Amino acid sequence: MKPLYIVGAGSFGRELHSYVLRHPAHGHVWTFAGFLDDNPDALADYGRFAPVIPLSGHLPDPYGVYLCGLGRPATKARLMESLLRAGAEFIHFVHPSVLLGERVRLGRGVILCPGVILTCDISLGDFVTINLNTTIGHDVTVGEWTTVSSQCDLTGHVQVEAGVFIGSKASVIPGRRIGAGSLVAAGAVVFRDVTPGVTVAGNPAATLTASGPAHSS
């Protein structure tokens, strides 16, 4: 069995750990070996239930595999790229309850949490995270490093570019494009394309400025 490491011992890392322990592959294909995190007390409030190994200076285990337990796209990109350069092997994780349709492409390090539905003809880039009970419709593309939170609805032909964060219960109507590095706030309903690098919120979603919403998205 291969030792499996989770990068990040924060909130999502702990959730991912609970899914890993109950996955049919645990104890057969791989077994949990510990978290990689530079905070040695990351689990202090939870009974220190697993090893926490320093991330800085970590030399990848040549026999091990890795999962990304981080939610923020920029943090994922920064920390995963350094581990990749050092030779770490990242696998994708698909919870047994996921409904995976036909012609779905999963990039390296993709995480699909319980209750996720992917219909057909979908492409998820490297290190995309799809959280609980999110639905992704036909012909959707999601760029690398993106995180889609729980109970979101990405409808047909939506294009999500790299490094996007989509908050819980957000919805995107068919055919919209979410620009790279943007943030879609929890509960937002996106009716128009979202400009790269902005934050949108509300129903209909509007770009946030210092004085409030600027225009619909």
N, C-alpha and C. Protein backbone atom coordinates (compact mmCIF):
# COMPACT_ATOMS: atom_id res chain seq x y z
N MET A 1 0.84 -1.20 0.00
CA MET A 1 0.00 0.00 0.00
C MET A 1 0.87 1.25 0.00
N LYS A 2 0.40 2.26 -0.68
CA LYS A 2 1.13 3.51 -0.74
C LYS A 2 0.73 4.41 0.42
N PRO A 3 1.69 5.07 1.07
CA PRO A 3 1.33 6.09 2.06
C PRO A 3 0.71 7.29 1.37
N LEU A 4 -0.35 7.83 1.96
CA LEU A 4 -1.06 8.97 1.39
C LEU A 4 -0.94 10.16 2.33
N TYR A 5 -0.55 11.30 1.78
CA TYR A 5 -0.36 12.53 2.55
C TYR A 5 -1.38 13.57 2.08
N ILE A 6 -1.93 14.32 3.02
CA ILE A 6 -2.83 15.44 2.72
C ILE A 6 -2.08 16.73 3.01
N VAL A 7 -1.99 17.60 2.01
CA VAL A 7 -1.34 18.90 2.19
C VAL A 7 -2.36 19.86 2.79
N GLY A 8 -2.07 20.31 4.03
CA GLY A 8 -2.96 21.22 4.73
C GLY A 8 -3.78 20.52 5.79
N ALA A 9 -3.62 20.95 7.05
CA ALA A 9 -4.35 20.36 8.17
C ALA A 9 -5.42 21.31 8.70
N GLY A 10 -5.90 22.20 7.83
CA GLY A 10 -6.96 23.12 8.21
C GLY A 10 -8.33 22.48 8.04
N SER A 11 -9.35 23.33 7.90
CA SER A 11 -10.72 22.83 7.91
C SER A 11 -11.01 21.86 6.76
N PHE A 12 -10.66 22.24 5.54
CA PHE A 12 -10.94 21.33 4.43
C PHE A 12 -10.04 20.10 4.48
N GLY A 13 -8.80 20.28 4.91
CA GLY A 13 -7.92 19.12 5.05
C GLY A 13 -8.49 18.09 6.00
N ARG A 14 -9.08 18.56 7.11
CA ARG A 14 -9.68 17.63 8.07
C ARG A 14 -10.91 16.95 7.48
N GLU A 15 -11.71 17.69 6.71
CA GLU A 15 -12.85 17.05 6.05
C GLU A 15 -12.38 15.98 5.07
N LEU A 16 -11.37 16.33 4.28
CA LEU A 16 -10.85 15.37 3.31
C LEU A 16 -10.31 14.13 4.00
N HIS A 17 -9.67 14.31 5.13
CA HIS A 17 -9.16 13.18 5.91
C HIS A 17 -10.29 12.23 6.28
N SER A 18 -11.43 12.77 6.70
CA SER A 18 -12.55 11.92 7.09
C SER A 18 -13.09 11.13 5.90
N TYR A 19 -13.06 11.72 4.70
CA TYR A 19 -13.49 10.99 3.50
C TYR A 19 -12.49 9.91 3.14
N VAL A 20 -11.20 10.23 3.27
CA VAL A 20 -10.14 9.27 2.92
C VAL A 20 -10.25 8.01 3.78
N LEU A 21 -10.48 8.18 5.07
CA LEU A 21 -10.51 7.03 5.97
C LEU A 21 -11.65 6.07 5.63
N ARG A 22 -12.72 6.58 5.02
CA ARG A 22 -13.89 5.76 4.71
C ARG A 22 -13.95 5.34 3.25
N HIS A 23 -12.94 5.70 2.49
CA HIS A 23 -12.91 5.34 1.08
C HIS A 23 -12.52 3.86 0.93
N PRO A 24 -13.14 3.14 -0.02
CA PRO A 24 -12.80 1.72 -0.18
C PRO A 24 -11.32 1.45 -0.47
N ALA A 25 -10.62 2.43 -1.04
CA ALA A 25 -9.20 2.23 -1.34
C ALA A 25 -8.31 2.32 -0.10
N HIS A 26 -8.83 2.93 0.98
CA HIS A 26 -8.00 3.07 2.19
C HIS A 26 -7.78 1.70 2.81
N GLY A 27 -6.53 1.40 3.05
CA GLY A 27 -6.18 0.09 3.60
C GLY A 27 -6.00 -0.98 2.56
N HIS A 28 -6.21 -0.62 1.28
CA HIS A 28 -6.03 -1.59 0.20
C HIS A 28 -5.06 -1.06 -0.86
N VAL A 29 -5.32 0.18 -1.32
CA VAL A 29 -4.45 0.80 -2.32
C VAL A 29 -3.47 1.75 -1.65
N TRP A 30 -3.99 2.56 -0.72
CA TRP A 30 -3.16 3.49 0.04
C TRP A 30 -3.67 3.57 1.47
N THR A 31 -2.80 4.09 2.35
CA THR A 31 -3.18 4.27 3.74
C THR A 31 -2.70 5.64 4.21
N PHE A 32 -3.51 6.33 4.99
CA PHE A 32 -3.19 7.69 5.41
C PHE A 32 -1.93 7.72 6.25
N ALA A 33 -1.00 8.63 5.88
CA ALA A 33 0.28 8.72 6.57
C ALA A 33 0.44 9.99 7.38
N GLY A 34 -0.32 11.04 7.07
CA GLY A 34 -0.20 12.28 7.83
C GLY A 34 -0.51 13.50 7.00
N PHE A 35 -0.60 14.63 7.72
CA PHE A 35 -0.80 15.93 7.09
C PHE A 35 0.54 16.62 6.89
N LEU A 36 0.64 17.41 5.83
CA LEU A 36 1.79 18.30 5.65
C LEU A 36 1.32 19.72 5.96
N ASP A 37 1.88 20.31 7.00
CA ASP A 37 1.46 21.64 7.43
C ASP A 37 2.57 22.23 8.29
N ASP A 38 2.84 23.53 8.10
CA ASP A 38 3.90 24.16 8.87
C ASP A 38 3.45 24.62 10.26
N ASN A 39 2.18 24.41 10.58
CA ASN A 39 1.69 24.69 11.93
C ASN A 39 1.63 23.39 12.70
N PRO A 40 2.59 23.14 13.61
CA PRO A 40 2.62 21.86 14.32
C PRO A 40 1.43 21.66 15.23
N ASP A 41 0.73 22.76 15.57
CA ASP A 41 -0.43 22.68 16.47
C ASP A 41 -1.75 22.75 15.72
N ALA A 42 -1.73 22.48 14.41
CA ALA A 42 -2.94 22.59 13.61
C ALA A 42 -4.07 21.71 14.11
N LEU A 43 -3.73 20.59 14.73
CA LEU A 43 -4.75 19.65 15.20
C LEU A 43 -4.91 19.67 16.71
N ALA A 44 -4.32 20.66 17.37
CA ALA A 44 -4.31 20.67 18.83
C ALA A 44 -5.71 20.71 19.42
N ASP A 45 -6.63 21.41 18.76
CA ASP A 45 -8.00 21.52 19.28
C ASP A 45 -8.86 20.31 18.95
N TYR A 46 -8.30 19.35 18.24
CA TYR A 46 -9.09 18.20 17.78
C TYR A 46 -8.51 16.88 18.25
N GLY A 47 -7.63 16.94 19.24
CA GLY A 47 -7.11 15.72 19.82
C GLY A 47 -5.86 15.17 19.16
N ARG A 48 -5.23 16.00 18.29
CA ARG A 48 -3.99 15.57 17.61
C ARG A 48 -4.15 14.14 17.10
N PHE A 49 -5.17 13.93 16.28
CA PHE A 49 -5.56 12.59 15.86
C PHE A 49 -4.70 12.00 14.76
N ALA A 50 -3.78 12.81 14.20
CA ALA A 50 -2.94 12.32 13.10
C ALA A 50 -1.61 13.05 13.13
N PRO A 51 -0.59 12.49 12.50
CA PRO A 51 0.70 13.18 12.44
C PRO A 51 0.61 14.45 11.60
N VAL A 52 1.32 15.50 12.04
CA VAL A 52 1.47 16.73 11.27
C VAL A 52 2.95 16.88 10.95
N ILE A 53 3.27 16.81 9.67
CA ILE A 53 4.64 16.83 9.19
C ILE A 53 4.94 18.20 8.61
N PRO A 54 6.08 18.82 8.93
CA PRO A 54 6.37 20.15 8.36
C PRO A 54 6.35 20.12 6.83
N LEU A 55 5.67 21.13 6.27
CA LEU A 55 5.61 21.23 4.81
C LEU A 55 6.89 21.84 4.24
N SER A 56 7.40 22.87 4.90
CA SER A 56 8.61 23.52 4.41
C SER A 56 9.77 22.53 4.38
N GLY A 57 10.41 22.45 3.25
CA GLY A 57 11.55 21.55 3.12
C GLY A 57 11.19 20.09 2.96
N HIS A 58 9.90 19.79 2.82
CA HIS A 58 9.50 18.39 2.69
C HIS A 58 10.02 17.79 1.39
N LEU A 59 10.64 16.64 1.49
CA LEU A 59 11.09 15.90 0.32
C LEU A 59 10.05 14.82 0.02
N PRO A 60 9.41 14.89 -1.14
CA PRO A 60 8.34 13.95 -1.44
C PRO A 60 8.74 12.50 -1.27
N ASP A 61 7.84 11.73 -0.71
CA ASP A 61 8.02 10.30 -0.54
C ASP A 61 7.95 9.64 -1.92
N PRO A 62 9.01 9.00 -2.38
CA PRO A 62 8.99 8.40 -3.73
C PRO A 62 7.99 7.27 -3.86
N TYR A 63 7.54 6.72 -2.74
CA TYR A 63 6.57 5.63 -2.76
C TYR A 63 5.16 6.12 -2.39
N GLY A 64 5.04 7.40 -2.06
CA GLY A 64 3.78 7.91 -1.57
C GLY A 64 2.98 8.66 -2.62
N VAL A 65 1.73 8.98 -2.25
CA VAL A 65 0.85 9.80 -3.08
C VAL A 65 0.30 10.93 -2.23
N TYR A 66 -0.17 11.99 -2.90
CA TYR A 66 -0.54 13.22 -2.21
C TYR A 66 -1.91 13.71 -2.65
N LEU A 67 -2.62 14.36 -1.71
CA LEU A 67 -3.88 15.05 -1.99
C LEU A 67 -3.77 16.48 -1.47
N CYS A 68 -4.43 17.39 -2.16
CA CYS A 68 -4.43 18.80 -1.75
C CYS A 68 -5.64 19.09 -0.88
N GLY A 69 -5.41 19.42 0.39
CA GLY A 69 -6.49 19.74 1.32
C GLY A 69 -6.63 21.24 1.55
N LEU A 70 -6.39 22.03 0.52
CA LEU A 70 -6.45 23.49 0.62
C LEU A 70 -7.56 24.03 -0.27
N GLY A 71 -8.18 25.13 0.17
CA GLY A 71 -9.30 25.68 -0.58
C GLY A 71 -8.99 26.90 -1.42
N ARG A 72 -8.11 27.77 -0.95
CA ARG A 72 -7.84 29.01 -1.65
C ARG A 72 -7.00 28.75 -2.90
N PRO A 73 -7.50 29.17 -4.07
CA PRO A 73 -6.78 28.86 -5.31
C PRO A 73 -5.33 29.33 -5.34
N ALA A 74 -5.06 30.56 -4.89
CA ALA A 74 -3.69 31.07 -4.94
C ALA A 74 -2.76 30.26 -4.05
N THR A 75 -3.26 29.86 -2.89
CA THR A 75 -2.46 29.05 -1.97
C THR A 75 -2.21 27.67 -2.56
N LYS A 76 -3.23 27.09 -3.15
CA LYS A 76 -3.05 25.80 -3.82
C LYS A 76 -1.94 25.88 -4.86
N ALA A 77 -2.04 26.89 -5.73
CA ALA A 77 -1.07 27.01 -6.82
C ALA A 77 0.35 27.16 -6.27
N ARG A 78 0.52 28.00 -5.26
CA ARG A 78 1.86 28.27 -4.73
C ARG A 78 2.47 27.04 -4.09
N LEU A 79 1.71 26.35 -3.27
CA LEU A 79 2.27 25.23 -2.52
C LEU A 79 2.36 23.96 -3.35
N MET A 80 1.37 23.71 -4.20
CA MET A 80 1.41 22.49 -5.00
C MET A 80 2.52 22.55 -6.04
N GLU A 81 2.73 23.72 -6.64
CA GLU A 81 3.77 23.81 -7.66
C GLU A 81 5.14 23.49 -7.10
N SER A 82 5.41 23.92 -5.87
CA SER A 82 6.71 23.61 -5.28
C SER A 82 6.86 22.11 -5.02
N LEU A 83 5.78 21.47 -4.59
CA LEU A 83 5.84 20.02 -4.37
C LEU A 83 5.95 19.25 -5.69
N LEU A 84 5.25 19.75 -6.71
CA LEU A 84 5.34 19.10 -8.01
C LEU A 84 6.76 19.16 -8.56
N ARG A 85 7.38 20.33 -8.40
CA ARG A 85 8.76 20.46 -8.88
C ARG A 85 9.69 19.49 -8.17
N ALA A 86 9.36 19.19 -6.90
CA ALA A 86 10.19 18.27 -6.13
C ALA A 86 9.87 16.80 -6.43
N GLY A 87 8.84 16.57 -7.26
CA GLY A 87 8.55 15.20 -7.67
C GLY A 87 7.39 14.52 -6.98
N ALA A 88 6.57 15.26 -6.23
CA ALA A 88 5.43 14.64 -5.54
C ALA A 88 4.39 14.14 -6.55
N GLU A 89 3.82 12.98 -6.28
CA GLU A 89 2.79 12.40 -7.14
C GLU A 89 1.41 12.70 -6.54
N PHE A 90 0.65 13.56 -7.21
CA PHE A 90 -0.70 13.89 -6.76
C PHE A 90 -1.71 13.06 -7.52
N ILE A 91 -2.64 12.47 -6.79
CA ILE A 91 -3.71 11.68 -7.39
C ILE A 91 -5.02 12.47 -7.28
N HIS A 92 -6.04 12.04 -8.03
CA HIS A 92 -7.34 12.64 -7.80
C HIS A 92 -8.15 11.76 -6.84
N PHE A 93 -9.09 12.40 -6.16
CA PHE A 93 -9.90 11.71 -5.15
C PHE A 93 -11.36 11.85 -5.52
N VAL A 94 -12.04 10.73 -5.70
CA VAL A 94 -13.46 10.71 -6.05
C VAL A 94 -14.20 9.95 -4.96
N HIS A 95 -15.05 10.65 -4.20
CA HIS A 95 -15.83 9.98 -3.16
C HIS A 95 -16.78 8.97 -3.80
N PRO A 96 -17.01 7.82 -3.14
CA PRO A 96 -17.87 6.79 -3.74
C PRO A 96 -19.29 7.25 -4.07
N SER A 97 -19.77 8.31 -3.42
CA SER A 97 -21.13 8.78 -3.68
C SER A 97 -21.23 9.70 -4.89
N VAL A 98 -20.11 10.04 -5.50
CA VAL A 98 -20.11 10.94 -6.67
C VAL A 98 -20.77 10.25 -7.86
N LEU A 99 -21.62 11.01 -8.57
CA LEU A 99 -22.20 10.53 -9.83
C LEU A 99 -21.38 11.10 -10.97
N LEU A 100 -20.64 10.23 -11.64
CA LEU A 100 -19.70 10.63 -12.68
C LEU A 100 -20.23 10.16 -14.02
N GLY A 101 -20.60 11.12 -14.88
CA GLY A 101 -21.18 10.77 -16.17
C GLY A 101 -20.15 10.40 -17.22
N GLU A 102 -20.61 10.38 -18.46
CA GLU A 102 -19.76 9.97 -19.57
C GLU A 102 -18.86 11.11 -20.04
N ARG A 103 -17.66 10.74 -20.46
CA ARG A 103 -16.70 11.66 -21.07
C ARG A 103 -16.38 12.84 -20.14
N VAL A 104 -16.09 12.48 -18.91
CA VAL A 104 -15.67 13.47 -17.91
C VAL A 104 -14.17 13.33 -17.72
N ARG A 105 -13.46 14.42 -17.95
CA ARG A 105 -12.00 14.42 -17.81
C ARG A 105 -11.61 15.04 -16.48
N LEU A 106 -10.82 14.32 -15.70
CA LEU A 106 -10.35 14.80 -14.41
C LEU A 106 -8.85 15.04 -14.49
N GLY A 107 -8.41 16.25 -14.20
CA GLY A 107 -6.99 16.55 -14.17
C GLY A 107 -6.33 15.99 -12.91
N ARG A 108 -5.04 16.18 -12.85
CA ARG A 108 -4.25 15.74 -11.71
C ARG A 108 -4.69 16.46 -10.43
N GLY A 109 -4.82 15.69 -9.33
CA GLY A 109 -5.10 16.29 -8.04
C GLY A 109 -6.51 16.79 -7.83
N VAL A 110 -7.45 16.42 -8.71
CA VAL A 110 -8.85 16.84 -8.55
C VAL A 110 -9.47 16.18 -7.31
N ILE A 111 -10.29 16.94 -6.57
CA ILE A 111 -11.00 16.42 -5.41
C ILE A 111 -12.50 16.54 -5.67
N LEU A 112 -13.23 15.42 -5.61
CA LEU A 112 -14.68 15.40 -5.75
C LEU A 112 -15.28 14.88 -4.45
N CYS A 113 -15.96 15.75 -3.72
CA CYS A 113 -16.48 15.44 -2.39
C CYS A 113 -17.84 14.74 -2.47
N PRO A 114 -18.37 14.27 -1.32
CA PRO A 114 -19.62 13.52 -1.33
C PRO A 114 -20.78 14.28 -2.00
N GLY A 115 -21.58 13.54 -2.75
CA GLY A 115 -22.79 14.09 -3.33
C GLY A 115 -22.61 14.89 -4.60
N VAL A 116 -21.39 15.00 -5.11
CA VAL A 116 -21.15 15.76 -6.34
C VAL A 116 -21.76 15.01 -7.53
N ILE A 117 -22.35 15.77 -8.47
CA ILE A 117 -22.89 15.21 -9.70
C ILE A 117 -22.22 15.89 -10.88
N LEU A 118 -21.60 15.11 -11.76
CA LEU A 118 -21.05 15.61 -13.01
C LEU A 118 -21.74 14.84 -14.13
N THR A 119 -22.43 15.57 -15.03
CA THR A 119 -23.29 14.89 -15.99
C THR A 119 -22.49 14.29 -17.14
N CYS A 120 -22.10 15.07 -18.14
CA CYS A 120 -21.35 14.51 -19.26
C CYS A 120 -20.56 15.60 -19.97
N ASP A 121 -19.49 15.16 -20.65
CA ASP A 121 -18.68 16.05 -21.49
C ASP A 121 -18.16 17.26 -20.70
N ILE A 122 -17.52 16.95 -19.59
CA ILE A 122 -17.01 17.95 -18.64
C ILE A 122 -15.50 17.80 -18.53
N SER A 123 -14.81 18.91 -18.38
CA SER A 123 -13.36 18.90 -18.19
C SER A 123 -13.00 19.69 -16.95
N LEU A 124 -12.34 19.04 -16.01
CA LEU A 124 -11.86 19.69 -14.79
C LEU A 124 -10.34 19.71 -14.83
N GLY A 125 -9.74 20.90 -14.73
CA GLY A 125 -8.30 21.04 -14.78
C GLY A 125 -7.61 20.56 -13.53
N ASP A 126 -6.30 20.63 -13.53
CA ASP A 126 -5.50 20.16 -12.40
C ASP A 126 -5.87 20.90 -11.12
N PHE A 127 -5.99 20.13 -10.04
CA PHE A 127 -6.18 20.65 -8.68
C PHE A 127 -7.49 21.42 -8.52
N VAL A 128 -8.50 21.06 -9.30
CA VAL A 128 -9.84 21.59 -9.08
C VAL A 128 -10.45 20.85 -7.89
N THR A 129 -11.13 21.59 -7.02
CA THR A 129 -11.85 21.02 -5.89
C THR A 129 -13.34 21.31 -6.06
N ILE A 130 -14.17 20.26 -6.00
CA ILE A 130 -15.62 20.40 -6.07
C ILE A 130 -16.18 19.88 -4.75
N ASN A 131 -16.80 20.77 -3.98
CA ASN A 131 -17.23 20.41 -2.63
C ASN A 131 -18.65 19.81 -2.63
N LEU A 132 -19.14 19.54 -1.44
CA LEU A 132 -20.34 18.73 -1.21
C LEU A 132 -21.55 19.13 -2.05
N ASN A 133 -22.20 18.13 -2.66
CA ASN A 133 -23.52 18.28 -3.28
C ASN A 133 -23.59 19.35 -4.36
N THR A 134 -22.49 19.58 -5.04
CA THR A 134 -22.49 20.52 -6.17
C THR A 134 -22.81 19.75 -7.46
N THR A 135 -23.56 20.42 -8.34
CA THR A 135 -23.93 19.83 -9.62
C THR A 135 -23.26 20.59 -10.76
N ILE A 136 -22.65 19.85 -11.66
CA ILE A 136 -22.00 20.44 -12.84
C ILE A 136 -22.63 19.83 -14.08
N GLY A 137 -23.17 20.70 -14.94
CA GLY A 137 -23.91 20.24 -16.11
C GLY A 137 -23.02 19.95 -17.31
N HIS A 138 -23.66 19.60 -18.40
CA HIS A 138 -22.97 19.18 -19.62
C HIS A 138 -22.10 20.28 -20.21
N ASP A 139 -21.00 19.87 -20.79
CA ASP A 139 -20.12 20.75 -21.56
C ASP A 139 -19.53 21.90 -20.73
N VAL A 140 -19.31 21.66 -19.46
CA VAL A 140 -18.69 22.65 -18.58
C VAL A 140 -17.18 22.41 -18.55
N THR A 141 -16.42 23.50 -18.53
CA THR A 141 -14.98 23.40 -18.30
C THR A 141 -14.63 24.22 -17.06
N VAL A 142 -13.75 23.67 -16.24
CA VAL A 142 -13.30 24.34 -15.02
C VAL A 142 -11.78 24.36 -15.04
N GLY A 143 -11.19 25.56 -14.96
CA GLY A 143 -9.75 25.71 -15.06
C GLY A 143 -9.00 25.29 -13.80
N GLU A 144 -7.71 25.07 -13.95
CA GLU A 144 -6.86 24.60 -12.87
C GLU A 144 -6.91 25.52 -11.66
N TRP A 145 -6.71 24.91 -10.48
CA TRP A 145 -6.63 25.57 -9.18
C TRP A 145 -7.97 26.09 -8.66
N THR A 146 -9.03 25.96 -9.41
CA THR A 146 -10.33 26.50 -9.01
C THR A 146 -10.93 25.68 -7.88
N THR A 147 -11.66 26.36 -6.98
CA THR A 147 -12.43 25.71 -5.92
C THR A 147 -13.89 26.08 -6.06
N VAL A 148 -14.76 25.07 -6.13
CA VAL A 148 -16.20 25.28 -6.16
C VAL A 148 -16.76 24.75 -4.84
N SER A 149 -17.37 25.62 -4.07
CA SER A 149 -17.85 25.25 -2.73
C SER A 149 -19.11 24.40 -2.79
N SER A 150 -19.67 24.10 -1.63
CA SER A 150 -20.79 23.16 -1.56
C SER A 150 -22.08 23.74 -2.12
N GLN A 151 -22.91 22.84 -2.65
CA GLN A 151 -24.27 23.12 -3.12
C GLN A 151 -24.33 24.18 -4.21
N CYS A 152 -23.34 24.20 -5.07
CA CYS A 152 -23.36 25.12 -6.21
C CYS A 152 -23.99 24.42 -7.42
N ASP A 153 -24.37 25.23 -8.41
CA ASP A 153 -24.99 24.72 -9.63
C ASP A 153 -24.34 25.41 -10.83
N LEU A 154 -23.49 24.67 -11.53
CA LEU A 154 -22.89 25.17 -12.76
C LEU A 154 -23.62 24.50 -13.91
N THR A 155 -24.40 25.26 -14.66
CA THR A 155 -25.25 24.69 -15.69
C THR A 155 -24.50 24.54 -17.01
N GLY A 156 -25.18 24.05 -18.03
CA GLY A 156 -24.54 23.66 -19.27
C GLY A 156 -23.73 24.75 -19.95
N HIS A 157 -22.59 24.34 -20.51
CA HIS A 157 -21.71 25.20 -21.30
C HIS A 157 -21.08 26.36 -20.50
N VAL A 158 -21.09 26.29 -19.19
CA VAL A 158 -20.40 27.29 -18.37
C VAL A 158 -18.89 27.07 -18.51
N GLN A 159 -18.15 28.16 -18.58
CA GLN A 159 -16.69 28.09 -18.62
C GLN A 159 -16.13 28.84 -17.42
N VAL A 160 -15.43 28.11 -16.57
CA VAL A 160 -14.78 28.68 -15.40
C VAL A 160 -13.28 28.66 -15.66
N GLU A 161 -12.65 29.82 -15.66
CA GLU A 161 -11.23 29.88 -15.96
C GLU A 161 -10.40 29.54 -14.71
N ALA A 162 -9.09 29.64 -14.82
CA ALA A 162 -8.19 29.19 -13.76
C ALA A 162 -8.26 30.07 -12.52
N GLY A 163 -8.07 29.43 -11.36
CA GLY A 163 -7.90 30.15 -10.11
C GLY A 163 -9.13 30.86 -9.60
N VAL A 164 -10.31 30.36 -9.91
CA VAL A 164 -11.57 30.97 -9.46
C VAL A 164 -12.01 30.34 -8.14
N PHE A 165 -12.64 31.14 -7.28
CA PHE A 165 -13.28 30.61 -6.06
C PHE A 165 -14.77 30.91 -6.16
N ILE A 166 -15.59 29.87 -6.03
CA ILE A 166 -17.05 30.01 -6.09
C ILE A 166 -17.61 29.60 -4.74
N GLY A 167 -18.31 30.52 -4.08
CA GLY A 167 -18.84 30.29 -2.75
C GLY A 167 -20.07 29.40 -2.74
N SER A 168 -20.44 28.94 -1.55
CA SER A 168 -21.54 28.00 -1.38
C SER A 168 -22.85 28.52 -1.96
N LYS A 169 -23.60 27.61 -2.57
CA LYS A 169 -24.94 27.85 -3.10
C LYS A 169 -24.98 28.89 -4.22
N ALA A 170 -23.85 29.15 -4.86
CA ALA A 170 -23.86 30.02 -6.03
C ALA A 170 -24.39 29.25 -7.24
N SER A 171 -25.00 29.99 -8.17
CA SER A 171 -25.53 29.40 -9.39
C SER A 171 -25.04 30.20 -10.59
N VAL A 172 -24.74 29.50 -11.68
CA VAL A 172 -24.31 30.15 -12.92
C VAL A 172 -25.20 29.64 -14.04
N ILE A 173 -25.87 30.56 -14.76
CA ILE A 173 -26.79 30.15 -15.81
C ILE A 173 -26.00 29.67 -17.03
N PRO A 174 -26.66 28.97 -17.96
CA PRO A 174 -25.93 28.35 -19.08
C PRO A 174 -25.12 29.34 -19.91
N GLY A 175 -23.95 28.87 -20.29
CA GLY A 175 -23.14 29.59 -21.26
C GLY A 175 -22.33 30.76 -20.73
N ARG A 176 -22.34 31.00 -19.43
CA ARG A 176 -21.59 32.13 -18.89
C ARG A 176 -20.13 31.75 -18.71
N ARG A 177 -19.27 32.77 -18.72
CA ARG A 177 -17.83 32.60 -18.49
C ARG A 177 -17.44 33.32 -17.20
N ILE A 178 -16.70 32.60 -16.34
CA ILE A 178 -16.19 33.17 -15.10
C ILE A 178 -14.70 33.40 -15.29
N GLY A 179 -14.27 34.67 -15.29
CA GLY A 179 -12.90 35.00 -15.62
C GLY A 179 -11.90 34.54 -14.58
N ALA A 180 -10.67 34.35 -15.02
CA ALA A 180 -9.60 33.85 -14.18
C ALA A 180 -9.40 34.70 -12.94
N GLY A 181 -9.18 34.04 -11.81
CA GLY A 181 -8.86 34.73 -10.57
C GLY A 181 -10.01 35.47 -9.93
N SER A 182 -11.22 35.26 -10.41
CA SER A 182 -12.36 35.96 -9.83
C SER A 182 -12.94 35.19 -8.65
N LEU A 183 -13.82 35.87 -7.91
CA LEU A 183 -14.49 35.27 -6.76
C LEU A 183 -15.99 35.49 -6.90
N VAL A 184 -16.74 34.39 -6.85
CA VAL A 184 -18.19 34.45 -6.88
C VAL A 184 -18.67 34.19 -5.45
N ALA A 185 -19.33 35.18 -4.85
CA ALA A 185 -19.70 35.09 -3.44
C ALA A 185 -20.79 34.04 -3.22
N ALA A 186 -20.88 33.57 -1.99
CA ALA A 186 -21.90 32.59 -1.62
C ALA A 186 -23.29 33.11 -1.97
N GLY A 187 -24.10 32.25 -2.58
CA GLY A 187 -25.47 32.60 -2.90
C GLY A 187 -25.65 33.44 -4.14
N ALA A 188 -24.58 33.81 -4.82
CA ALA A 188 -24.69 34.66 -6.01
C ALA A 188 -25.35 33.89 -7.15
N VAL A 189 -26.08 34.62 -7.99
CA VAL A 189 -26.68 34.05 -9.20
C VAL A 189 -26.10 34.82 -10.39
N VAL A 190 -25.29 34.14 -11.17
CA VAL A 190 -24.54 34.79 -12.25
C VAL A 190 -25.31 34.69 -13.56
N PHE A 191 -25.75 35.84 -14.08
CA PHE A 191 -26.50 35.91 -15.32
C PHE A 191 -25.64 36.38 -16.49
N ARG A 192 -24.52 37.05 -16.21
CA ARG A 192 -23.65 37.57 -17.26
C ARG A 192 -22.22 37.11 -17.00
N ASP A 193 -21.37 37.23 -18.01
CA ASP A 193 -19.97 36.86 -17.85
C ASP A 193 -19.33 37.68 -16.74
N VAL A 194 -18.38 37.06 -16.04
CA VAL A 194 -17.67 37.72 -14.95
C VAL A 194 -16.26 38.08 -15.42
N THR A 195 -15.89 39.33 -15.25
CA THR A 195 -14.57 39.83 -15.65
C THR A 195 -13.48 39.16 -14.80
N PRO A 196 -12.34 38.83 -15.39
CA PRO A 196 -11.25 38.24 -14.60
C PRO A 196 -10.85 39.13 -13.42
N GLY A 197 -10.59 38.48 -12.27
CA GLY A 197 -10.02 39.17 -11.13
C GLY A 197 -10.96 39.99 -10.28
N VAL A 198 -12.28 39.91 -10.52
CA VAL A 198 -13.22 40.70 -9.73
C VAL A 198 -13.99 39.80 -8.77
N THR A 199 -14.72 40.43 -7.85
CA THR A 199 -15.63 39.73 -6.94
C THR A 199 -17.05 40.12 -7.30
N VAL A 200 -17.92 39.11 -7.46
CA VAL A 200 -19.33 39.39 -7.73
C VAL A 200 -20.17 38.77 -6.62
N ALA A 201 -21.31 39.42 -6.33
CA ALA A 201 -22.20 38.95 -5.27
C ALA A 201 -23.62 39.37 -5.59
N GLY A 202 -24.58 38.64 -5.02
CA GLY A 202 -25.97 39.03 -5.11
C GLY A 202 -26.74 38.31 -6.20
N ASN A 203 -28.04 38.66 -6.31
CA ASN A 203 -28.94 38.08 -7.30
C ASN A 203 -29.78 39.20 -7.93
N PRO A 204 -29.42 39.59 -9.18
CA PRO A 204 -28.35 39.06 -10.02
C PRO A 204 -26.98 39.49 -9.52
N ALA A 205 -25.97 38.68 -9.79
CA ALA A 205 -24.63 38.98 -9.30
C ALA A 205 -24.11 40.28 -9.91
N ALA A 206 -23.49 41.11 -9.07
CA ALA A 206 -22.92 42.38 -9.51
C ALA A 206 -21.51 42.49 -8.97
N THR A 207 -20.65 43.19 -9.71
CA THR A 207 -19.28 43.40 -9.28
C THR A 207 -19.24 44.31 -8.06
N LEU A 208 -18.47 43.91 -7.06
CA LEU A 208 -18.35 44.71 -5.85
C LEU A 208 -17.25 45.76 -6.00
N THR A 209 -17.55 46.97 -5.58
CA THR A 209 -16.55 48.04 -5.53
C THR A 209 -16.53 48.57 -4.11
N ALA A 210 -15.68 49.56 -3.85
CA ALA A 210 -15.57 50.14 -2.50
C ALA A 210 -16.90 50.72 -2.03
N SER A 211 -17.71 51.20 -2.97
CA SER A 211 -18.99 51.82 -2.60
C SER A 211 -20.18 50.90 -2.80
N GLY A 212 -19.92 49.62 -3.18
CA GLY A 212 -21.01 48.68 -3.37
C GLY A 212 -21.03 48.16 -4.78
N PRO A 213 -22.14 47.46 -5.17
CA PRO A 213 -22.24 46.87 -6.51
C PRO A 213 -22.08 47.91 -7.61
N ALA A 214 -21.33 47.55 -8.65
CA ALA A 214 -21.08 48.48 -9.75
C ALA A 214 -21.93 48.15 -10.98
N HIS A 215 -22.01 46.87 -11.36
CA HIS A 215 -22.82 46.49 -12.51
C HIS A 215 -23.17 45.03 -12.42
N SER A 216 -24.18 44.62 -13.13
CA SER A 216 -24.61 43.23 -13.10
C SER A 216 -23.60 42.36 -13.81
N SER A 217 -23.53 41.09 -13.39
CA SER A 217 -22.66 40.12 -14.04
C SER A 217 -23.46 38.87 -14.36
